[in-house]
């Protein structure tokens, strides 16, 4: 009986302990995906600008829904393929480390009115 009580206490301790994500350092900055070296985004407050080969491609309005979840809506397209004004994504940070973050993203557009799920990793870049 004593072993069962100790086991339950240990189990309770591990279940109740969960890593709290610190998403604050990923709210503003310059971000790039290691898999896409010619692309980067600059997010400042409620605006995110996305660049390809150093040329501005899209501008998104950003609304933080919680500390680790944001909604983006395309408000300007200057030449990006497959993106239209009004396209929306909801991104939730699911992992962080010192300089990088992994998002679970649901992207909504005309072709995907119910949303398309994918994950993407981004890392903070030095200016």
N, C-alpha and C. Protein backbone atom coordinates (compact mmCIF):
# COMPACT_ATOMS: atom_id res chain seq x y z
N UNK A 1 0.83 -1.19 0.00
CA UNK A 1 0.00 0.00 0.00
C UNK A 1 0.88 1.26 0.00
N UNK A 2 1.96 1.23 0.76
CA UNK A 2 2.85 2.36 0.85
C UNK A 2 3.47 2.66 -0.52
N UNK A 3 3.83 1.59 -1.27
CA UNK A 3 4.42 1.76 -2.60
C UNK A 3 3.41 2.40 -3.56
N UNK A 4 2.16 2.03 -3.45
CA UNK A 4 1.13 2.59 -4.33
C UNK A 4 0.96 4.08 -4.05
N UNK A 5 0.97 4.46 -2.78
CA UNK A 5 0.83 5.87 -2.43
C UNK A 5 2.01 6.68 -2.95
N UNK A 6 3.23 6.17 -2.79
CA UNK A 6 4.42 6.85 -3.28
C UNK A 6 4.37 6.97 -4.81
N UNK A 7 3.98 5.89 -5.48
CA UNK A 7 3.88 5.91 -6.93
C UNK A 7 2.86 6.96 -7.38
N UNK A 8 1.72 7.02 -6.73
CA UNK A 8 0.68 8.00 -7.07
C UNK A 8 1.17 9.43 -6.86
N UNK A 9 1.91 9.67 -5.79
CA UNK A 9 2.45 11.01 -5.55
C UNK A 9 3.46 11.40 -6.63
N UNK A 10 4.31 10.46 -7.01
CA UNK A 10 5.28 10.73 -8.07
C UNK A 10 4.56 11.00 -9.39
N UNK A 11 3.58 10.18 -9.69
CA UNK A 11 2.81 10.35 -10.92
C UNK A 11 2.09 11.70 -10.92
N UNK A 12 1.50 12.05 -9.81
CA UNK A 12 0.80 13.33 -9.69
C UNK A 12 1.77 14.49 -9.90
N UNK A 13 2.96 14.38 -9.36
CA UNK A 13 3.96 15.42 -9.51
C UNK A 13 4.41 15.59 -10.95
N UNK A 14 4.58 14.49 -11.67
CA UNK A 14 5.01 14.60 -13.06
C UNK A 14 3.88 15.07 -13.96
N UNK A 15 2.65 14.70 -13.67
CA UNK A 15 1.52 15.14 -14.48
C UNK A 15 1.25 16.62 -14.26
N UNK A 16 1.34 17.08 -13.04
CA UNK A 16 1.03 18.47 -12.75
C UNK A 16 2.16 19.41 -13.16
N UNK A 17 3.37 18.87 -13.38
CA UNK A 17 4.47 19.71 -13.84
C UNK A 17 4.44 19.76 -15.36
N UNK A 18 4.32 20.93 -15.91
CA UNK A 18 4.41 21.09 -17.35
C UNK A 18 5.25 22.33 -17.64
N UNK A 19 5.99 22.25 -18.72
CA UNK A 19 6.84 23.38 -19.08
C UNK A 19 5.98 24.54 -19.54
N UNK A 20 6.20 25.69 -18.95
CA UNK A 20 5.51 26.91 -19.35
C UNK A 20 6.32 27.54 -20.47
N UNK A 21 5.68 27.70 -21.62
CA UNK A 21 6.37 28.32 -22.75
C UNK A 21 6.52 29.82 -22.52
N UNK A 22 7.70 30.34 -22.79
CA UNK A 22 7.93 31.78 -22.73
C UNK A 22 7.92 32.30 -24.17
N UNK A 23 6.78 32.82 -24.60
CA UNK A 23 6.60 33.25 -25.97
C UNK A 23 6.88 34.73 -26.19
N UNK A 24 7.12 35.48 -25.12
CA UNK A 24 7.24 36.93 -25.23
C UNK A 24 8.37 37.37 -26.15
N UNK A 25 9.48 36.67 -26.16
CA UNK A 25 10.61 37.10 -26.98
C UNK A 25 10.38 36.84 -28.47
N UNK A 26 9.29 36.14 -28.82
CA UNK A 26 8.98 35.86 -30.22
C UNK A 26 7.84 36.71 -30.77
N UNK A 27 7.45 37.73 -30.02
CA UNK A 27 6.35 38.59 -30.49
C UNK A 27 6.84 39.65 -31.47
N UNK A 28 8.07 40.08 -31.35
CA UNK A 28 8.65 41.08 -32.25
C UNK A 28 10.03 40.61 -32.67
N UNK A 29 10.43 40.97 -33.89
CA UNK A 29 11.77 40.63 -34.33
C UNK A 29 11.81 40.23 -35.78
N UNK A 30 12.99 39.82 -36.21
CA UNK A 30 13.20 39.31 -37.56
C UNK A 30 13.32 37.80 -37.45
N UNK A 31 12.52 37.08 -38.25
CA UNK A 31 12.45 35.62 -38.17
C UNK A 31 12.74 35.00 -39.53
N UNK A 32 13.44 33.88 -39.52
CA UNK A 32 13.70 33.14 -40.75
C UNK A 32 13.58 31.66 -40.47
N UNK A 33 13.14 30.93 -41.48
CA UNK A 33 13.05 29.47 -41.38
C UNK A 33 14.32 28.88 -41.97
N UNK A 34 15.03 28.05 -41.21
CA UNK A 34 16.26 27.45 -41.74
C UNK A 34 16.04 26.72 -43.07
N UNK A 35 14.85 26.17 -43.28
CA UNK A 35 14.56 25.43 -44.51
C UNK A 35 14.35 26.35 -45.72
N UNK A 36 14.12 27.64 -45.47
CA UNK A 36 13.86 28.60 -46.55
C UNK A 36 14.78 29.81 -46.39
N UNK A 37 16.06 29.69 -46.79
CA UNK A 37 17.05 30.74 -46.51
C UNK A 37 16.79 32.08 -47.22
N UNK A 38 16.00 32.11 -48.29
CA UNK A 38 15.74 33.36 -49.00
C UNK A 38 14.52 34.10 -48.48
N UNK A 39 13.86 33.55 -47.46
CA UNK A 39 12.66 34.16 -46.91
C UNK A 39 12.89 34.59 -45.47
N UNK A 40 12.29 35.72 -45.10
CA UNK A 40 12.29 36.14 -43.70
C UNK A 40 11.09 37.05 -43.46
N UNK A 41 10.77 37.23 -42.20
CA UNK A 41 9.65 38.09 -41.81
C UNK A 41 10.12 39.02 -40.70
N UNK A 42 9.57 40.22 -40.70
CA UNK A 42 9.83 41.17 -39.62
C UNK A 42 8.48 41.49 -38.98
N UNK A 43 8.36 41.15 -37.70
CA UNK A 43 7.12 41.41 -36.97
C UNK A 43 7.38 42.49 -35.93
N UNK A 44 6.55 43.52 -35.97
CA UNK A 44 6.62 44.59 -34.98
C UNK A 44 5.20 44.95 -34.59
N UNK A 45 4.90 44.69 -33.32
CA UNK A 45 3.58 44.98 -32.77
C UNK A 45 2.49 44.27 -33.57
N UNK A 46 1.66 45.01 -34.29
CA UNK A 46 0.51 44.40 -34.96
C UNK A 46 0.70 44.25 -36.47
N UNK A 47 1.94 44.37 -36.95
CA UNK A 47 2.23 44.24 -38.38
C UNK A 47 3.38 43.25 -38.60
N UNK A 48 3.22 42.42 -39.62
CA UNK A 48 4.29 41.51 -40.02
C UNK A 48 4.52 41.68 -41.51
N UNK A 49 5.77 41.91 -41.89
CA UNK A 49 6.16 42.05 -43.30
C UNK A 49 6.98 40.83 -43.69
N UNK A 50 6.61 40.21 -44.82
CA UNK A 50 7.32 39.02 -45.29
C UNK A 50 8.10 39.35 -46.55
N UNK A 51 9.35 38.89 -46.58
CA UNK A 51 10.27 39.21 -47.66
C UNK A 51 10.75 37.93 -48.34
N UNK A 52 11.00 38.03 -49.65
CA UNK A 52 11.63 36.96 -50.42
C UNK A 52 12.72 37.61 -51.25
N UNK A 53 13.94 37.11 -51.15
CA UNK A 53 15.10 37.70 -51.82
C UNK A 53 15.20 39.20 -51.54
N UNK A 54 14.97 39.58 -50.30
CA UNK A 54 15.06 40.96 -49.80
C UNK A 54 14.00 41.90 -50.37
N UNK A 55 12.99 41.36 -51.02
CA UNK A 55 11.91 42.19 -51.57
C UNK A 55 10.64 41.92 -50.76
N UNK A 56 9.99 43.00 -50.37
CA UNK A 56 8.74 42.87 -49.62
C UNK A 56 7.69 42.18 -50.49
N UNK A 57 7.09 41.12 -49.96
CA UNK A 57 6.09 40.36 -50.70
C UNK A 57 4.68 40.52 -50.15
N UNK A 58 4.54 40.42 -48.82
CA UNK A 58 3.22 40.52 -48.19
C UNK A 58 3.31 41.28 -46.88
N UNK A 59 2.18 41.88 -46.51
CA UNK A 59 2.04 42.54 -45.22
C UNK A 59 0.82 41.94 -44.55
N UNK A 60 0.97 41.59 -43.28
CA UNK A 60 -0.08 40.93 -42.51
C UNK A 60 -0.40 41.74 -41.26
N UNK A 61 -1.68 41.84 -40.93
CA UNK A 61 -2.05 42.38 -39.62
C UNK A 61 -1.94 41.23 -38.63
N UNK A 62 -1.48 41.53 -37.44
CA UNK A 62 -1.25 40.52 -36.41
C UNK A 62 -2.08 40.85 -35.19
N UNK A 63 -2.78 39.86 -34.70
CA UNK A 63 -3.55 40.01 -33.46
C UNK A 63 -3.19 38.83 -32.56
N UNK A 64 -2.67 39.13 -31.37
CA UNK A 64 -2.32 38.08 -30.42
C UNK A 64 -3.59 37.66 -29.68
N UNK A 65 -3.93 36.38 -29.79
CA UNK A 65 -5.11 35.82 -29.15
C UNK A 65 -4.82 35.37 -27.72
N UNK A 66 -3.56 35.04 -27.46
CA UNK A 66 -3.08 34.68 -26.12
C UNK A 66 -1.58 34.90 -26.13
N UNK A 67 -0.90 34.56 -25.04
CA UNK A 67 0.56 34.75 -24.98
C UNK A 67 1.30 34.00 -26.07
N UNK A 68 0.76 32.86 -26.51
CA UNK A 68 1.46 32.00 -27.47
C UNK A 68 0.66 31.71 -28.73
N UNK A 69 -0.39 32.46 -28.98
CA UNK A 69 -1.23 32.20 -30.15
C UNK A 69 -1.57 33.51 -30.85
N UNK A 70 -1.39 33.53 -32.18
CA UNK A 70 -1.66 34.74 -32.93
C UNK A 70 -2.46 34.45 -34.18
N UNK A 71 -3.14 35.49 -34.64
CA UNK A 71 -3.90 35.42 -35.88
C UNK A 71 -3.31 36.45 -36.83
N UNK A 72 -3.06 36.03 -38.08
CA UNK A 72 -2.54 36.93 -39.10
C UNK A 72 -3.53 36.99 -40.25
N UNK A 73 -3.74 38.19 -40.78
CA UNK A 73 -4.59 38.38 -41.95
C UNK A 73 -3.80 39.19 -42.97
N UNK A 74 -3.74 38.69 -44.21
CA UNK A 74 -3.00 39.39 -45.26
C UNK A 74 -3.74 40.68 -45.62
N UNK A 75 -3.02 41.80 -45.52
CA UNK A 75 -3.63 43.09 -45.85
C UNK A 75 -3.01 43.73 -47.09
N UNK A 76 -1.87 43.16 -47.56
CA UNK A 76 -1.24 43.68 -48.76
C UNK A 76 -0.41 42.58 -49.40
N UNK A 77 -0.56 42.41 -50.72
CA UNK A 77 0.25 41.45 -51.47
C UNK A 77 0.95 42.20 -52.58
N UNK A 78 2.27 42.15 -52.56
CA UNK A 78 3.08 42.87 -53.54
C UNK A 78 3.77 41.91 -54.52
N UNK A 79 3.21 40.71 -54.67
CA UNK A 79 3.79 39.79 -55.64
C UNK A 79 3.94 38.35 -55.18
N UNK A 80 3.52 38.03 -53.98
CA UNK A 80 3.63 36.65 -53.51
C UNK A 80 2.61 35.77 -54.22
N UNK A 81 3.06 34.62 -54.69
CA UNK A 81 2.14 33.67 -55.31
C UNK A 81 1.38 32.92 -54.22
N UNK A 82 0.18 32.50 -54.53
CA UNK A 82 -0.65 31.67 -53.64
C UNK A 82 -1.10 32.38 -52.37
N UNK A 83 -1.00 33.69 -52.32
CA UNK A 83 -1.49 34.45 -51.17
C UNK A 83 -2.38 35.57 -51.70
N UNK A 84 -3.54 35.72 -51.09
CA UNK A 84 -4.46 36.78 -51.48
C UNK A 84 -4.79 37.64 -50.26
N UNK A 85 -5.13 38.88 -50.52
CA UNK A 85 -5.59 39.75 -49.44
C UNK A 85 -6.80 39.10 -48.79
N UNK A 86 -6.80 39.02 -47.48
CA UNK A 86 -7.87 38.38 -46.73
C UNK A 86 -7.54 36.97 -46.27
N UNK A 87 -6.49 36.35 -46.86
CA UNK A 87 -6.07 35.03 -46.37
C UNK A 87 -5.70 35.17 -44.90
N UNK A 88 -5.96 34.12 -44.14
CA UNK A 88 -5.76 34.19 -42.69
C UNK A 88 -5.03 32.95 -42.20
N UNK A 89 -4.23 33.12 -41.16
CA UNK A 89 -3.62 31.98 -40.48
C UNK A 89 -3.71 32.20 -38.97
N UNK A 90 -3.87 31.09 -38.28
CA UNK A 90 -3.83 31.09 -36.82
C UNK A 90 -2.65 30.21 -36.44
N UNK A 91 -1.69 30.79 -35.73
CA UNK A 91 -0.46 30.09 -35.39
C UNK A 91 -0.32 30.02 -33.87
N UNK A 92 -0.04 28.82 -33.38
CA UNK A 92 0.18 28.61 -31.95
C UNK A 92 1.59 28.09 -31.73
N UNK A 93 2.32 28.75 -30.84
CA UNK A 93 3.67 28.31 -30.50
C UNK A 93 3.56 27.04 -29.66
N UNK A 94 4.21 25.97 -30.14
CA UNK A 94 4.15 24.70 -29.41
C UNK A 94 5.50 24.30 -28.82
N UNK A 95 6.57 25.00 -29.22
CA UNK A 95 7.90 24.69 -28.70
C UNK A 95 8.78 25.92 -28.84
N UNK A 96 9.61 26.16 -27.86
CA UNK A 96 10.60 27.23 -27.95
C UNK A 96 11.93 26.73 -27.40
N UNK A 97 13.00 27.32 -27.90
CA UNK A 97 14.31 27.17 -27.26
C UNK A 97 14.93 28.56 -27.23
N UNK A 98 16.22 28.65 -27.14
CA UNK A 98 16.85 29.97 -26.98
C UNK A 98 16.51 30.94 -28.10
N UNK A 99 16.61 30.51 -29.34
CA UNK A 99 16.45 31.42 -30.47
C UNK A 99 15.39 30.97 -31.48
N UNK A 100 14.83 29.78 -31.32
CA UNK A 100 13.91 29.25 -32.32
C UNK A 100 12.56 28.88 -31.70
N UNK A 101 11.57 28.77 -32.57
CA UNK A 101 10.21 28.50 -32.15
C UNK A 101 9.56 27.59 -33.19
N UNK A 102 8.67 26.72 -32.75
CA UNK A 102 7.89 25.89 -33.67
C UNK A 102 6.43 26.26 -33.52
N UNK A 103 5.79 26.54 -34.66
CA UNK A 103 4.38 26.90 -34.69
C UNK A 103 3.56 25.75 -35.26
N UNK A 104 2.37 25.56 -34.72
CA UNK A 104 1.34 24.76 -35.37
C UNK A 104 0.43 25.78 -36.03
N UNK A 105 0.29 25.71 -37.34
CA UNK A 105 -0.41 26.74 -38.11
C UNK A 105 -1.62 26.15 -38.81
N UNK A 106 -2.72 26.88 -38.78
CA UNK A 106 -3.89 26.56 -39.59
C UNK A 106 -4.07 27.73 -40.55
N UNK A 107 -3.98 27.44 -41.85
CA UNK A 107 -4.04 28.47 -42.89
C UNK A 107 -5.38 28.39 -43.61
N UNK A 108 -6.09 29.52 -43.67
CA UNK A 108 -7.40 29.60 -44.30
C UNK A 108 -7.32 30.48 -45.55
N UNK A 109 -7.85 29.95 -46.67
CA UNK A 109 -7.96 30.72 -47.90
C UNK A 109 -9.11 30.15 -48.72
N UNK A 110 -9.28 30.64 -49.96
CA UNK A 110 -10.39 30.17 -50.79
C UNK A 110 -10.33 28.66 -51.03
N UNK A 111 -9.13 28.14 -51.26
CA UNK A 111 -8.97 26.71 -51.53
C UNK A 111 -9.11 25.86 -50.27
N UNK A 112 -8.90 26.44 -49.11
CA UNK A 112 -8.95 25.72 -47.83
C UNK A 112 -9.83 26.49 -46.84
N UNK A 113 -11.14 26.57 -47.08
CA UNK A 113 -12.01 27.35 -46.19
C UNK A 113 -12.09 26.77 -44.78
N UNK A 114 -11.83 25.46 -44.64
CA UNK A 114 -11.83 24.83 -43.32
C UNK A 114 -10.45 24.81 -42.68
N UNK A 115 -9.46 25.31 -43.41
CA UNK A 115 -8.11 25.40 -42.88
C UNK A 115 -7.23 24.24 -43.30
N UNK A 116 -5.96 24.51 -43.45
CA UNK A 116 -4.94 23.52 -43.76
C UNK A 116 -3.91 23.58 -42.64
N UNK A 117 -3.65 22.44 -41.99
CA UNK A 117 -2.72 22.38 -40.85
C UNK A 117 -1.31 22.06 -41.31
N UNK A 118 -0.33 22.73 -40.70
CA UNK A 118 1.07 22.37 -40.89
C UNK A 118 1.89 22.99 -39.75
N UNK A 119 3.13 22.55 -39.64
CA UNK A 119 4.05 23.11 -38.63
C UNK A 119 5.20 23.78 -39.34
N UNK A 120 5.74 24.80 -38.70
CA UNK A 120 6.90 25.50 -39.25
C UNK A 120 7.78 26.00 -38.12
N UNK A 121 9.06 25.84 -38.31
CA UNK A 121 10.03 26.35 -37.35
C UNK A 121 10.64 27.65 -37.85
N UNK A 122 10.77 28.61 -36.96
CA UNK A 122 11.40 29.89 -37.27
C UNK A 122 12.42 30.22 -36.20
N UNK A 123 13.45 30.93 -36.60
CA UNK A 123 14.49 31.34 -35.65
C UNK A 123 14.67 32.85 -35.71
N UNK A 124 14.93 33.45 -34.55
CA UNK A 124 15.23 34.87 -34.49
C UNK A 124 16.55 35.15 -35.21
N UNK A 125 16.57 36.24 -35.96
CA UNK A 125 17.77 36.62 -36.70
C UNK A 125 18.30 37.93 -36.14
N UNK A 126 19.58 38.09 -36.20
CA UNK A 126 20.20 39.35 -35.79
C UNK A 126 19.98 40.35 -36.91
N UNK A 127 19.69 41.60 -36.54
CA UNK A 127 19.46 42.65 -37.55
C UNK A 127 20.75 43.03 -38.22
